[in-house]
Protein backbone atom coordinates (compact mmCIF):
# COMPACT_ATOMS: atom_id res chain seq x y z
CA MET A 1 196.41 -24.93 -13.80
CA MET A 2 199.74 -23.36 -13.03
CA SER A 3 199.95 -20.16 -11.10
CA ALA A 4 202.08 -17.22 -12.12
CA THR A 5 204.71 -17.89 -9.44
CA SER A 6 205.18 -21.52 -10.48
CA THR A 7 205.49 -20.48 -14.11
CA LEU A 8 208.08 -17.87 -13.13
CA ALA A 9 210.01 -20.45 -11.08
CA LEU A 10 210.01 -22.93 -13.97
CA THR A 11 211.22 -20.18 -16.29
CA HIS A 12 214.24 -19.58 -14.01
CA PHE A 13 215.07 -23.29 -13.91
CA VAL A 14 214.87 -23.59 -17.68
CA THR A 15 217.27 -20.68 -18.15
CA LEU A 16 219.69 -22.29 -15.67
CA ALA A 17 219.49 -25.56 -17.58
CA ASP A 18 220.12 -23.81 -20.88
CA SER A 19 223.20 -22.02 -19.52
CA PHE A 20 224.75 -25.38 -18.52
CA ASP A 21 227.50 -26.34 -20.96
CA LYS A 22 226.83 -29.93 -22.05
CA ASP A 23 230.38 -30.32 -23.39
CA LYS A 24 231.92 -29.49 -20.02
CA VAL A 25 233.12 -32.47 -17.99
CA THR A 26 232.10 -32.49 -14.32
CA PRO A 27 232.93 -35.15 -11.73
CA GLY A 28 229.34 -35.57 -10.59
CA VAL A 29 228.12 -38.00 -7.96
CA LEU A 30 230.45 -40.80 -9.03
CA GLY A 31 233.47 -38.55 -8.62
CA PHE A 32 232.33 -37.61 -5.12
CA ILE A 33 231.78 -41.25 -4.16
CA VAL A 34 235.25 -42.26 -5.43
CA PHE A 35 236.85 -39.32 -3.59
CA ALA A 36 234.98 -40.20 -0.37
CA VAL A 37 236.05 -43.87 -0.60
CA ILE A 38 239.69 -42.88 -1.12
CA GLY A 39 239.49 -40.47 1.82
CA GLY A 40 237.98 -43.18 4.03
CA ALA A 41 240.66 -45.66 3.00
CA VAL A 42 243.43 -43.18 3.84
CA TRP A 43 241.83 -42.49 7.22
CA LEU A 44 241.63 -46.23 8.01
CA LEU A 45 245.24 -46.80 6.90
CA MET A 46 246.50 -43.95 9.09
CA LYS A 47 244.51 -45.29 12.05
CA SER A 48 246.05 -48.74 11.53
CA MET A 49 249.54 -47.25 11.14
CA ASN A 50 249.19 -45.34 14.42
CA LYS A 51 248.11 -48.53 16.20
CA HIS A 52 251.14 -50.41 14.87
CA MET A 53 253.53 -47.55 15.64
CA ARG A 54 252.41 -47.52 19.28
CA LYS A 55 253.54 -51.16 19.54
CA VAL A 56 257.10 -50.32 18.46
CA ASP A 57 259.51 -50.27 21.40
CA PHE A 58 262.53 -48.24 20.38
CA GLU A 59 265.09 -46.80 22.75
CA GLU A 60 267.92 -44.77 21.33
CA PRO A 61 271.31 -45.34 22.99
CA ALA A 62 272.73 -42.42 24.94
CA GLU A 63 275.62 -40.38 23.52
CA ASP A 64 278.10 -41.64 26.12
CA GLY A 65 277.37 -45.31 25.40
CA GLN A 66 275.55 -45.86 28.71
CA GLY A 67 272.18 -46.66 27.08
CA PRO A 68 270.89 -50.01 25.88
CA ALA A 69 273.24 -51.72 23.49
CA ALA A 70 272.24 -52.19 19.89
CA PRO A 71 271.86 -55.82 18.76
CA ALA A 72 274.81 -55.55 16.34
CA THR A 73 277.20 -54.30 19.05
CA ALA A 74 275.96 -56.88 21.56
CA ALA A 75 276.62 -59.70 19.11
CA ALA A 76 280.06 -58.29 18.24
CA ALA A 77 281.02 -57.98 21.93
CA LYS A 78 280.34 -61.68 22.59
CA PRO A 79 283.50 -63.78 22.56
CA LYS A 80 283.46 -66.44 19.88
CA THR A 81 284.10 -69.97 21.03
CA SER A 82 285.41 -72.50 18.55
């Protein structure tokens, strides 16, 4: 037999279920899973990008030309021998 409190609780759940609009589109569990997978993929891509960016060795030449020479200017400064 059901007690009065369980009957009252079931009555509240039934009214909540009736107020739910069945024509309304909601993302549900599948939408959450897709969103979580995309978020995880972005996190992994950013982690990989940071690892690759740490490997880049870039030194900007100084304003007065005293810094390391760029490859294009170093090749142009070499005398050509024919």
